[in-house]
Protein backbone atom coordinates (compact mmCIF):
# COMPACT_ATOMS: atom_id res chain seq x y z
CA UNK A 1 7.46 -5.46 -46.54
CA UNK A 2 4.99 -4.90 -49.37
CA UNK A 3 4.21 -1.30 -50.29
CA UNK A 4 1.24 0.47 -51.85
CA UNK A 5 0.74 4.04 -53.04
CA UNK A 6 -2.39 5.81 -51.91
CA UNK A 7 -3.88 8.69 -53.88
CA UNK A 8 -2.98 12.13 -52.57
CA UNK A 9 -5.31 14.06 -50.27
CA UNK A 10 -5.89 17.75 -49.57
CA UNK A 11 -4.83 18.81 -46.07
CA UNK A 12 -8.44 19.72 -45.16
CA UNK A 13 -9.83 16.30 -46.08
CA UNK A 14 -10.37 13.22 -43.93
CA UNK A 15 -9.93 10.06 -45.98
CA UNK A 16 -10.21 6.32 -45.25
CA UNK A 17 -7.27 4.22 -46.43
CA UNK A 18 -7.60 0.46 -46.94
CA UNK A 19 -4.73 -1.99 -46.39
CA UNK A 20 -5.67 -5.30 -48.07
CA UNK A 21 -3.81 -8.40 -46.88
CA UNK A 22 -5.81 -10.88 -49.03
CA UNK A 23 -2.78 -12.11 -50.99
CA UNK A 24 -0.94 -12.97 -47.74
CA UNK A 25 -3.73 -14.90 -46.01
CA UNK A 26 -4.59 -18.59 -46.21
CA UNK A 27 -8.15 -19.67 -47.01
CA UNK A 28 -10.32 -18.85 -43.99
CA UNK A 29 -7.61 -16.80 -42.27
CA UNK A 30 -8.62 -13.31 -41.11
CA UNK A 31 -7.10 -10.27 -39.42
CA UNK A 32 -7.47 -10.53 -35.62
CA UNK A 33 -5.94 -7.17 -34.71
CA UNK A 34 -4.04 -4.37 -36.38
CA UNK A 35 -2.38 -1.03 -35.82
CA UNK A 36 -1.32 1.77 -38.17
CA UNK A 37 1.54 4.19 -37.53
CA UNK A 38 2.58 7.24 -39.55
CA UNK A 39 6.07 8.64 -40.12
CA UNK A 40 7.39 11.19 -42.59
CA UNK A 41 8.96 9.75 -45.74
CA UNK A 42 9.86 13.15 -47.20
CA UNK A 43 9.27 16.70 -46.06
CA UNK A 44 8.98 18.03 -42.54
CA UNK A 45 6.24 17.35 -40.00
CA UNK A 46 7.22 17.39 -36.32
CA UNK A 47 4.18 15.28 -35.41
CA UNK A 48 3.45 12.83 -38.25
CA UNK A 49 1.34 10.58 -35.99
CA UNK A 50 -1.30 13.32 -35.78
CA UNK A 51 -2.43 12.39 -39.31
CA UNK A 52 -3.97 9.19 -37.84
CA UNK A 53 -7.65 9.80 -37.01
CA UNK A 54 -9.23 7.39 -34.55
CA UNK A 55 -8.79 3.63 -34.42
CA UNK A 56 -8.45 1.29 -37.36
CA UNK A 57 -11.20 -1.18 -38.23
CA UNK A 58 -10.75 -4.70 -39.55
CA UNK A 59 -12.99 -6.79 -41.75
CA UNK A 60 -11.84 -10.10 -43.20
CA UNK A 61 -8.56 -9.40 -44.99
CA UNK A 62 -8.77 -5.60 -44.82
CA UNK A 63 -7.72 -2.94 -42.34
CA UNK A 64 -9.22 0.55 -42.76
CA UNK A 65 -7.68 3.63 -41.18
CA UNK A 66 -8.93 7.22 -41.40
CA UNK A 67 -6.34 9.95 -41.89
CA UNK A 68 -6.88 13.67 -41.50
CA UNK A 69 -5.07 17.00 -41.85
CA UNK A 70 -1.33 16.66 -42.45
CA UNK A 71 1.29 19.12 -43.67
CA UNK A 72 1.11 20.30 -47.30
CA UNK A 73 3.98 18.89 -49.36
CA UNK A 74 4.82 16.06 -46.97
CA UNK A 75 4.83 12.42 -48.07
CA UNK A 76 3.80 10.16 -45.19
CA UNK A 77 4.68 6.50 -44.80
CA UNK A 78 1.80 4.66 -43.13
CA UNK A 79 2.68 1.19 -41.87
CA UNK A 80 -0.06 -1.28 -40.97
CA UNK A 81 0.91 -4.25 -38.82
CA UNK A 82 -1.68 -7.01 -38.65
CA UNK A 83 -1.92 -10.14 -36.52
CA UNK A 84 -3.91 -12.91 -38.17
CA UNK A 85 -6.12 -15.69 -36.86
CA UNK A 86 -3.24 -18.09 -37.74
CA UNK A 87 -0.80 -16.05 -35.59
CA UNK A 88 1.03 -14.50 -38.54
CA UNK A 89 2.40 -10.95 -38.16
CA UNK A 90 2.08 -9.14 -41.49
CA UNK A 91 2.94 -5.62 -42.60
CA UNK A 92 1.88 -3.37 -45.45
CA UNK A 93 3.19 0.15 -45.94
CA UNK A 94 1.60 2.90 -47.98
CA UNK A 95 2.73 6.33 -49.17
CA UNK A 96 0.36 9.28 -48.88
CA UNK A 97 1.07 12.78 -50.20
CA UNK A 98 -0.76 15.74 -48.63
CA UNK A 99 -1.60 18.56 -51.04
């Protein structure tokens, strides 16, 4: 699974994160559906999924997911699973630190 590092965010901020699958798609292939899940990579948060705010949106090769709140000092691992128009299942994971 490919990994990216997102910039950190303050706990009071809502931020949109973009997962870009362009390098994994064939010409003309797009994202048909996607989902993003959050777990803790380091630190303690009894409910890491609560950082996910609303549904993701897809456009072409990109999936955008808003994240909000979070526990100060925790590093979250956000995993985006995408199904493409060519029936591929792709994943990108990103690390996000809450300040």
